[in-house]
Protein backbone atom coordinates (compact mmCIF):
# COMPACT_ATOMS: atom_id res chain seq x y z
CA MET A 1 -14.86 3.09 158.10
CA THR A 2 -16.63 1.43 155.23
CA THR A 3 -15.73 1.84 151.53
CA ASP A 4 -18.48 2.22 148.93
CA THR A 5 -17.87 -0.32 146.08
CA THR A 6 -21.07 0.34 144.17
CA GLN A 7 -20.81 2.13 140.80
CA PRO A 8 -23.11 4.91 139.66
CA LYS A 9 -26.18 3.91 137.73
CA SER A 10 -25.05 5.73 134.60
CA ASP A 11 -21.80 3.73 134.51
CA GLN A 12 -23.71 0.43 134.94
CA SER A 13 -26.06 1.26 132.08
CA ASN A 14 -23.13 2.10 129.77
CA ASP A 15 -21.46 -1.23 130.56
CA ALA A 16 -24.71 -3.12 129.82
CA ARG A 17 -25.10 -1.45 126.44
CA ALA A 18 -21.50 -2.23 125.53
CA SER A 19 -21.92 -5.91 126.42
CA ASP A 20 -25.14 -6.08 124.35
CA ALA A 21 -23.35 -4.57 121.36
CA ASP A 22 -20.58 -7.16 121.65
CA ALA A 23 -23.16 -9.95 121.75
CA VAL A 24 -24.86 -8.59 118.64
CA ASP A 25 -21.56 -8.53 116.78
CA LEU A 26 -21.03 -12.22 117.45
CA VAL A 27 -24.31 -13.21 115.72
CA PRO A 28 -23.84 -13.72 111.92
CA GLN A 29 -26.07 -11.50 109.82
CA THR A 30 -27.27 -12.17 106.29
CA GLU A 31 -27.49 -9.22 104.02
CA SER A 32 -30.71 -8.88 102.05
CA PRO A 33 -30.27 -8.18 98.33
CA ALA A 34 -30.50 -4.59 97.37
CA PRO A 35 -33.63 -3.63 95.49
CA GLU A 36 -31.50 -2.18 92.67
CA GLN A 37 -29.75 -5.53 92.06
CA ALA A 38 -33.07 -7.37 91.87
CA SER A 39 -34.36 -4.93 89.31
CA ASP A 40 -31.20 -5.29 87.19
CA SER A 41 -31.68 -9.07 86.85
CA THR A 42 -35.02 -8.73 85.08
CA PRO A 43 -34.55 -8.72 81.28
CA GLU A 44 -35.71 -5.70 79.42
CA LYS A 45 -38.10 -6.22 76.52
CA PRO A 46 -36.81 -4.83 73.24
CA ALA A 47 -38.80 -1.91 71.99
CA LYS A 48 -40.69 -2.46 68.78
CA VAL A 49 -39.44 -0.34 65.92
CA LYS A 50 -42.21 1.20 63.90
CA ARG A 51 -41.85 0.57 60.18
CA THR A 52 -41.99 3.43 57.74
CA LEU A 53 -44.50 3.71 54.92
CA PHE A 54 -41.89 2.64 52.38
CA GLU A 55 -40.99 -0.46 54.41
CA ARG A 56 -44.64 -1.47 54.74
CA ALA A 57 -45.17 -1.01 51.00
CA GLU A 58 -42.06 -3.03 50.21
CA ALA A 59 -43.23 -5.91 52.44
CA TRP A 60 -46.68 -5.83 50.83
CA ILE A 61 -45.24 -6.00 47.30
CA SER A 62 -42.88 -8.81 48.35
CA LYS A 63 -45.78 -10.91 49.66
CA LEU A 64 -47.79 -10.11 46.54
CA SER A 65 -45.01 -11.34 44.24
CA SER A 66 -45.06 -14.79 45.87
CA ARG A 67 -48.85 -15.17 45.85
CA ASN A 68 -49.30 -16.57 42.32
CA ASN A 69 -47.68 -16.62 38.89
CA PHE A 70 -49.56 -13.56 37.64
CA TRP A 71 -48.21 -11.19 40.28
CA ASN A 72 -44.84 -12.89 40.11
CA ARG A 73 -44.69 -12.06 36.41
CA VAL A 74 -45.80 -8.48 37.00
CA CYS A 75 -43.15 -7.90 39.66
CA SER A 76 -40.51 -9.66 37.55
CA MET A 77 -41.26 -7.34 34.63
CA ILE A 78 -40.26 -4.37 36.83
CA TRP A 79 -37.55 -5.67 39.18
CA LEU A 80 -36.31 -8.90 37.53
CA PRO A 81 -36.42 -8.49 33.74
CA TYR A 82 -34.31 -11.58 33.03
CA ALA A 83 -36.84 -13.84 34.76
CA PHE A 84 -39.63 -12.07 32.87
CA ARG A 85 -37.96 -12.64 29.49
CA SER A 86 -37.14 -16.28 30.23
CA GLY A 87 -40.76 -16.98 31.23
CA ILE A 88 -39.97 -19.18 34.25
CA LYS A 89 -43.10 -20.15 36.21
CA MET A 90 -43.42 -21.35 39.79
CA SER A 91 -45.73 -24.06 41.08
CA LEU A 92 -46.13 -25.03 44.73
CA ASP A 93 -48.16 -27.84 46.27
CA GLU A 94 -48.22 -29.46 49.70
CA ASN A 95 -45.02 -31.46 49.23
CA THR A 96 -42.92 -30.05 46.39
CA TYR A 97 -41.96 -26.73 44.90
CA ARG A 98 -41.21 -26.66 41.18
CA ALA A 99 -40.25 -24.10 38.59
CA THR A 100 -40.68 -24.65 34.86
CA LEU A 101 -38.48 -22.95 32.26
CA PRO A 102 -40.24 -22.90 28.85
CA PHE A 103 -38.47 -23.99 25.68
CA ARG A 104 -38.61 -20.67 23.82
CA ARG A 105 -36.31 -18.78 21.48
CA PHE A 106 -34.89 -16.61 24.28
CA ASN A 107 -33.64 -19.74 26.14
CA LYS A 108 -32.31 -21.72 23.17
CA ASN A 109 -28.83 -21.87 21.69
CA TRP A 110 -27.83 -22.12 18.02
CA TYR A 111 -28.39 -25.92 17.76
CA SER A 112 -31.96 -25.82 19.16
CA ALA A 113 -31.23 -27.01 22.69
CA MET A 114 -31.72 -25.29 26.01
CA ALA A 115 -28.81 -22.91 26.53
CA GLY A 116 -26.51 -23.68 29.43
CA ALA A 117 -26.54 -20.04 30.53
CA ALA A 118 -30.34 -20.15 30.71
CA LEU A 119 -30.29 -23.32 32.82
CA LEU A 120 -27.62 -21.91 35.12
CA GLY A 121 -29.07 -18.41 35.52
CA ASN A 122 -32.63 -19.56 36.11
CA SER A 123 -31.48 -22.04 38.77
CA GLU A 124 -30.59 -19.08 41.00
CA ILE A 125 -33.99 -17.51 40.28
CA ALA A 126 -35.85 -20.76 40.95
CA GLY A 127 -34.04 -21.48 44.22
CA GLY A 128 -34.29 -17.88 45.39
CA ASN A 129 -38.03 -17.78 44.70
CA TYR A 130 -38.51 -20.96 46.71
CA VAL A 131 -36.63 -19.56 49.73
CA PHE A 132 -38.44 -16.24 49.41
CA SER A 133 -41.85 -17.92 49.26
CA VAL A 134 -41.13 -19.73 52.56
CA CYS A 135 -39.53 -16.78 54.41
CA GLY A 136 -41.91 -14.04 53.29
CA GLY A 137 -41.49 -10.38 52.53
CA ASP A 138 -39.71 -9.48 55.78
CA TYR A 139 -36.46 -11.15 54.65
CA THR A 140 -33.80 -10.53 52.01
CA VAL A 141 -32.41 -13.52 50.09
CA VAL A 142 -28.93 -13.42 48.52
CA CYS A 143 -27.20 -16.27 46.68
CA LYS A 144 -23.76 -16.98 48.16
CA GLN A 145 -22.66 -20.04 46.19
CA LEU A 146 -23.95 -21.81 43.08
CA GLU A 147 -22.74 -25.11 41.64
CA TYR A 148 -24.23 -26.59 38.48
CA LYS A 149 -23.40 -29.93 36.90
CA PHE A 150 -24.46 -30.42 33.25
CA LEU A 151 -25.44 -34.03 32.54
CA ARG A 152 -27.00 -34.05 29.05
CA PRO A 153 -28.54 -31.63 26.53
CA CYS A 154 -32.07 -30.45 27.17
CA HIS A 155 -34.33 -30.45 24.08
CA GLY A 156 -37.52 -29.33 25.77
CA PRO A 157 -38.88 -27.37 28.73
CA ALA A 158 -36.80 -27.74 31.92
CA GLU A 159 -38.28 -28.28 35.35
CA TYR A 160 -36.47 -27.40 38.59
CA ARG A 161 -37.37 -29.61 41.54
CA MET A 162 -36.27 -28.09 44.86
CA THR A 163 -35.15 -30.02 47.94
CA PRO A 164 -33.89 -28.06 50.99
CA LEU A 165 -30.98 -29.77 52.76
CA GLU A 166 -31.87 -28.12 56.12
CA ASP A 167 -35.14 -27.51 57.92
CA ILE A 168 -35.93 -24.11 56.47
CA HIS A 169 -39.11 -23.65 58.54
CA ALA A 170 -37.20 -24.15 61.80
CA LEU A 171 -34.54 -21.66 60.67
CA VAL A 172 -37.18 -19.05 59.85
CA ALA A 173 -38.83 -19.60 63.25
CA THR A 174 -35.63 -18.48 65.03
CA GLY A 175 -35.98 -14.96 63.62
CA GLU A 176 -32.22 -14.72 63.02
CA GLU A 177 -30.20 -14.63 59.82
CA PHE A 178 -29.11 -18.00 58.45
CA ASN A 179 -27.74 -19.91 55.46
CA ILE A 180 -29.85 -22.48 53.62
CA THR A 181 -28.67 -24.92 50.95
CA ILE A 182 -31.08 -25.98 48.21
CA ARG A 183 -30.51 -28.96 45.93
CA MET A 184 -32.24 -28.75 42.56
CA ASP A 185 -32.76 -31.60 40.12
CA ILE A 186 -33.32 -30.23 36.62
CA VAL A 187 -35.26 -32.57 34.36
CA GLN A 188 -36.56 -32.24 30.83
CA VAL A 189 -40.34 -32.04 30.75
CA LEU A 190 -41.86 -34.72 28.50
CA VAL A 191 -43.53 -33.56 25.32
CA PRO A 192 -47.14 -34.82 25.05
CA LEU A 193 -47.36 -38.09 23.19
CA SER A 194 -48.91 -38.25 19.78
CA GLU A 195 -52.15 -40.15 19.32
CA LYS A 196 -50.45 -42.96 17.41
CA ARG A 197 -47.72 -43.51 20.00
CA LEU A 198 -50.27 -43.32 22.81
CA ALA A 199 -52.40 -45.97 21.09
CA ASP A 200 -49.36 -48.23 20.64
CA GLU A 201 -48.50 -48.00 24.35
CA VAL A 202 -52.07 -48.80 25.35
CA ASP A 203 -52.20 -51.86 23.04
CA ASP A 204 -48.91 -53.25 24.33
CA PRO A 205 -49.01 -53.48 28.15
CA ASN A 206 -45.33 -54.49 28.30
CA ASP A 207 -44.19 -51.06 27.15
CA LYS A 208 -42.89 -48.93 29.97
CA PRO A 209 -43.78 -45.24 29.94
CA ALA A 210 -40.94 -42.88 29.29
CA LYS A 211 -39.33 -41.24 32.31
CA PRO A 212 -38.24 -37.61 32.55
CA LYS A 213 -34.55 -37.18 31.74
CA ARG A 214 -32.40 -35.40 34.29
CA VAL A 215 -30.32 -32.84 32.41
CA GLY A 216 -28.52 -31.27 35.35
CA ARG A 217 -28.13 -30.91 39.09
CA CYS A 218 -27.59 -27.69 40.98
CA THR A 219 -26.66 -26.90 44.59
CA ALA A 220 -27.24 -23.33 45.74
CA THR A 221 -26.53 -21.71 49.12
CA PHE A 222 -28.58 -18.64 50.06
CA HIS A 223 -28.03 -16.17 52.87
CA VAL A 224 -31.30 -15.03 54.44
CA THR A 225 -31.42 -11.91 56.62
CA PRO A 226 -34.41 -10.23 58.31
CA LYS A 227 -34.93 -6.70 57.07
CA ALA A 228 -35.09 -5.56 60.70
CA HIS A 229 -31.42 -6.51 61.07
CA HIS A 230 -30.47 -4.29 58.14
CA LYS A 231 -32.35 -1.40 59.71
CA ALA A 232 -30.76 -1.94 63.14
CA LYS A 233 -27.28 -2.07 61.57
CA LYS A 234 -27.97 1.15 59.68
CA LEU A 235 -29.12 2.88 62.88
CA ARG A 236 -25.97 1.76 64.71
CA GLY A 237 -23.86 3.19 61.90
CA THR A 238 -25.57 6.58 62.07
CA LYS A 239 -25.17 6.72 65.87
CA ASN A 240 -21.47 5.86 65.71
CA ALA A 241 -20.92 8.47 63.03
């Protein structure tokens, strides 16, 4: 009598599939990144906020005020009456930025010299106008700190000569808010020489021409903020409320 040791075909196929599954489990598999994770890594571009009509008009007037002395005087008469009464004038060339404070009755004290309050107050206006002319109308400029050192009396028009202590153009290019320190040398503008004194200096070549006298030195720190930051902060406040 013979015994049948062969298994049914269905049992053999089940054993083969089980062995194949075990072999597959032994092979390491690398998971492919999910499409949602790949999309999350891409940075989103910030949406451009459309400016209102008032904001566009404000930026246009700001740029107009820094175009020349005429429009600067017109805007000062409305929004900055102290600068309008003092008569300070701005002049900008390729290398230097200067502001001249005239020697008029409004700026003098009782002993016919330039008043210290006029020199101090107009130093903030001169430095702020310089920063504003570089940044443009899309920024707000606020003076944070002002130091003035009086050296000697000023008996004539005063000239403010600005020197930024940081690279202001690089700071503006970042598009963020920043602090900028301006050093100002205040000198007395020379009165035109009379014809007799001019003739004497021409006849004698050894005479050295007079140099402008420095009457003071000022260091001012301004905080510059893009107007878009003010608007974004205001929108966050309304949403939180």
